[in-house]
Amino acid sequence: MNEFRQHIPGYFDVEQPDFAEFKDTKELLNLDIVKKYIGENFSHFAMSGNYLMVVSDGGSHWWVVGSIKNPEEIDLPQWKPIAEEGQEQ
């Protein structure tokens, strides 16, 4: 089993982030804590190292959803930021 641990920014006063075990990418994306990030401007989920990212507005906004214990087992694209206009990536 793989493990997901929700990312909580340090400025939130939360005792423990959500934690869940899952067996594959499909099960990860069906976790309630992950599904809550699917909103009106949702584009896709992606991986950045061992972090699960949610990408919205066609790639112009992104957030860390949480960390994955064994990211090599996750079948999602690698997250790449969109370069600002006039900047190289």
C-alpha atoms as a PDB file:
ATOM      1  CA  MET A   1       0.000   0.000   0.000  1.00  0.00           C
ATOM      2  CA  ASN A   2       1.105   3.519  -0.758  1.00  0.00           C
ATOM      3  CA  GLU A   3       0.489   6.507   1.545  1.00  0.00           C
ATOM      4  CA  PHE A   4      -0.865  10.031   1.061  1.00  0.00           C
ATOM      5  CA  ARG A   5      -0.357  12.781   3.648  1.00  0.00           C
ATOM      6  CA  GLN A   6      -2.220  16.055   3.176  1.00  0.00           C
ATOM      7  CA  HIS A   7      -0.110  19.224   2.955  1.00  0.00           C
ATOM      8  CA  ILE A   8      -1.158  21.862   5.488  1.00  0.00           C
ATOM      9  CA  PRO A   9       0.678  25.216   5.296  1.00  0.00           C
ATOM     10  CA  GLY A  10       2.384  26.191   8.550  1.00  0.00           C
ATOM     11  CA  TYR A  11       0.102  29.165   9.168  1.00  0.00           C
ATOM     12  CA  PHE A  12      -2.880  26.853   9.784  1.00  0.00           C
ATOM     13  CA  ASP A  13      -3.355  25.548  13.308  1.00  0.00           C
ATOM     14  CA  VAL A  14      -4.074  21.883  12.629  1.00  0.00           C
ATOM     15  CA  GLU A  15      -2.920  19.075  14.902  1.00  0.00           C
ATOM     16  CA  GLN A  16      -2.522  16.398  12.219  1.00  0.00           C
ATOM     17  CA  PRO A  17      -2.948  16.504   8.452  1.00  0.00           C
ATOM     18  CA  ASP A  18      -5.198  13.906   6.830  1.00  0.00           C
ATOM     19  CA  PHE A  19      -3.537  10.588   6.057  1.00  0.00           C
ATOM     20  CA  ALA A  20      -4.736   7.754   3.838  1.00  0.00           C
ATOM     21  CA  GLU A  21      -3.463   4.529   2.349  1.00  0.00           C
ATOM     22  CA  PHE A  22      -4.244   3.635  -1.257  1.00  0.00           C
ATOM     23  CA  LYS A  23      -3.201   0.964  -3.753  1.00  0.00           C
ATOM     24  CA  ASP A  24      -2.980   2.813  -7.093  1.00  0.00           C
ATOM     25  CA  THR A  25      -3.407   6.147  -8.876  1.00  0.00           C
ATOM     26  CA  LYS A  26      -7.136   5.648  -9.407  1.00  0.00           C
ATOM     27  CA  GLU A  27      -7.695   5.032  -5.707  1.00  0.00           C
ATOM     28  CA  LEU A  28      -5.528   8.073  -4.813  1.00  0.00           C
ATOM     29  CA  LEU A  29      -7.600  10.357  -7.034  1.00  0.00           C
ATOM     30  CA  ASN A  30     -10.802   8.997  -5.473  1.00  0.00           C
ATOM     31  CA  LEU A  31      -9.813  10.001  -1.927  1.00  0.00           C
ATOM     32  CA  ASP A  32     -12.255  12.620  -0.604  1.00  0.00           C
ATOM     33  CA  ILE A  33      -9.404  14.900   0.489  1.00  0.00           C
ATOM     34  CA  VAL A  34      -8.034  14.851  -3.074  1.00  0.00           C
ATOM     35  CA  LYS A  35     -11.408  15.174  -4.857  1.00  0.00           C
ATOM     36  CA  LYS A  36     -12.207  18.377  -2.955  1.00  0.00           C
ATOM     37  CA  TYR A  37      -9.610  20.165  -5.131  1.00  0.00           C
ATOM     38  CA  ILE A  38     -11.600  19.515  -8.306  1.00  0.00           C
ATOM     39  CA  GLY A  39     -13.350  22.814  -8.849  1.00  0.00           C
ATOM     40  CA  GLU A  40     -14.648  25.048 -11.595  1.00  0.00           C
ATOM     41  CA  ASN A  41     -11.209  25.892 -13.027  1.00  0.00           C
ATOM     42  CA  PHE A  42      -9.604  22.483 -12.407  1.00  0.00           C
ATOM     43  CA  SER A  43      -7.182  21.366 -15.135  1.00  0.00           C
ATOM     44  CA  HIS A  44      -5.431  18.223 -13.844  1.00  0.00           C
ATOM     45  CA  PHE A  45      -3.378  16.564 -11.134  1.00  0.00           C
ATOM     46  CA  ALA A  46       0.382  16.154 -11.537  1.00  0.00           C
ATOM     47  CA  MET A  47       3.414  15.028  -9.561  1.00  0.00           C
ATOM     48  CA  SER A  48       6.399  17.153  -8.518  1.00  0.00           C
ATOM     49  CA  GLY A  49       8.909  14.887  -6.833  1.00  0.00           C
ATOM     50  CA  ASN A  50       6.931  13.205  -4.075  1.00  0.00           C
ATOM     51  CA  TYR A  51       4.216  15.904  -4.044  1.00  0.00           C
ATOM     52  CA  LEU A  52       0.755  15.599  -5.563  1.00  0.00           C
ATOM     53  CA  MET A  53      -0.145  18.910  -7.216  1.00  0.00           C
ATOM     54  CA  VAL A  54      -3.477  20.262  -8.360  1.00  0.00           C
ATOM     55  CA  VAL A  55      -3.262  22.465 -11.441  1.00  0.00           C
ATOM     56  CA  SER A  56      -5.987  24.888 -12.484  1.00  0.00           C
ATOM     57  CA  ASP A  57      -6.683  27.657 -14.968  1.00  0.00           C
ATOM     58  CA  GLY A  58      -4.838  25.816 -17.732  1.00  0.00           C
ATOM     59  CA  GLY A  59      -1.655  25.639 -15.667  1.00  0.00           C
ATOM     60  CA  SER A  60      -1.439  29.204 -14.361  1.00  0.00           C
ATOM     61  CA  HIS A  61      -2.367  28.219 -10.767  1.00  0.00           C
ATOM     62  CA  TRP A  62      -1.154  25.252  -8.726  1.00  0.00           C
ATOM     63  CA  TRP A  63      -1.143  23.987  -5.159  1.00  0.00           C
ATOM     64  CA  VAL A  64       0.457  21.160  -3.255  1.00  0.00           C
ATOM     65  CA  VAL A  65      -2.276  18.738  -2.181  1.00  0.00           C
ATOM     66  CA  GLY A  66      -0.008  16.400  -0.244  1.00  0.00           C
ATOM     67  CA  SER A  67       2.930  14.051  -0.275  1.00  0.00           C
ATOM     68  CA  ILE A  68       3.126  10.492  -1.572  1.00  0.00           C
ATOM     69  CA  LYS A  69       5.323   7.891   0.112  1.00  0.00           C
ATOM     70  CA  ASN A  70       6.159   6.055  -3.153  1.00  0.00           C
ATOM     71  CA  PRO A  71       5.707   8.589  -5.975  1.00  0.00           C
ATOM     72  CA  GLU A  72       7.280   6.255  -8.550  1.00  0.00           C
ATOM     73  CA  GLU A  73       4.094   4.160  -8.329  1.00  0.00           C
ATOM     74  CA  ILE A  74       1.854   7.068  -9.387  1.00  0.00           C
ATOM     75  CA  ASP A  75       0.798   7.337 -13.030  1.00  0.00           C
ATOM     76  CA  LEU A  76       0.420  11.106 -13.430  1.00  0.00           C
ATOM     77  CA  PRO A  77       2.303  13.656 -15.531  1.00  0.00           C
ATOM     78  CA  GLN A  78       5.204  15.569 -14.015  1.00  0.00           C
ATOM     79  CA  TRP A  79       4.269  19.117 -13.031  1.00  0.00           C
ATOM     80  CA  LYS A  80       6.026  21.877 -14.921  1.00  0.00           C
ATOM     81  CA  PRO A  81       5.290  25.539 -14.242  1.00  0.00           C
ATOM     82  CA  ILE A  82       4.211  27.687 -17.149  1.00  0.00           C
ATOM     83  CA  ALA A  83       6.821  30.362 -17.783  1.00  0.00           C
ATOM     84  CA  GLU A  84       5.778  33.943 -17.250  1.00  0.00           C
ATOM     85  CA  GLU A  85       5.411  35.851 -20.501  1.00  0.00           C
ATOM     86  CA  GLY A  86       8.853  36.874 -21.717  1.00  0.00           C
ATOM     87  CA  GLN A  87      10.687  34.452 -19.378  1.00  0.00           C
ATOM     88  CA  GLU A  88      12.347  31.185 -20.269  1.00  0.00           C
ATOM     89  CA  GLN A  89      11.276  28.000 -18.519  1.00  0.00           C
END
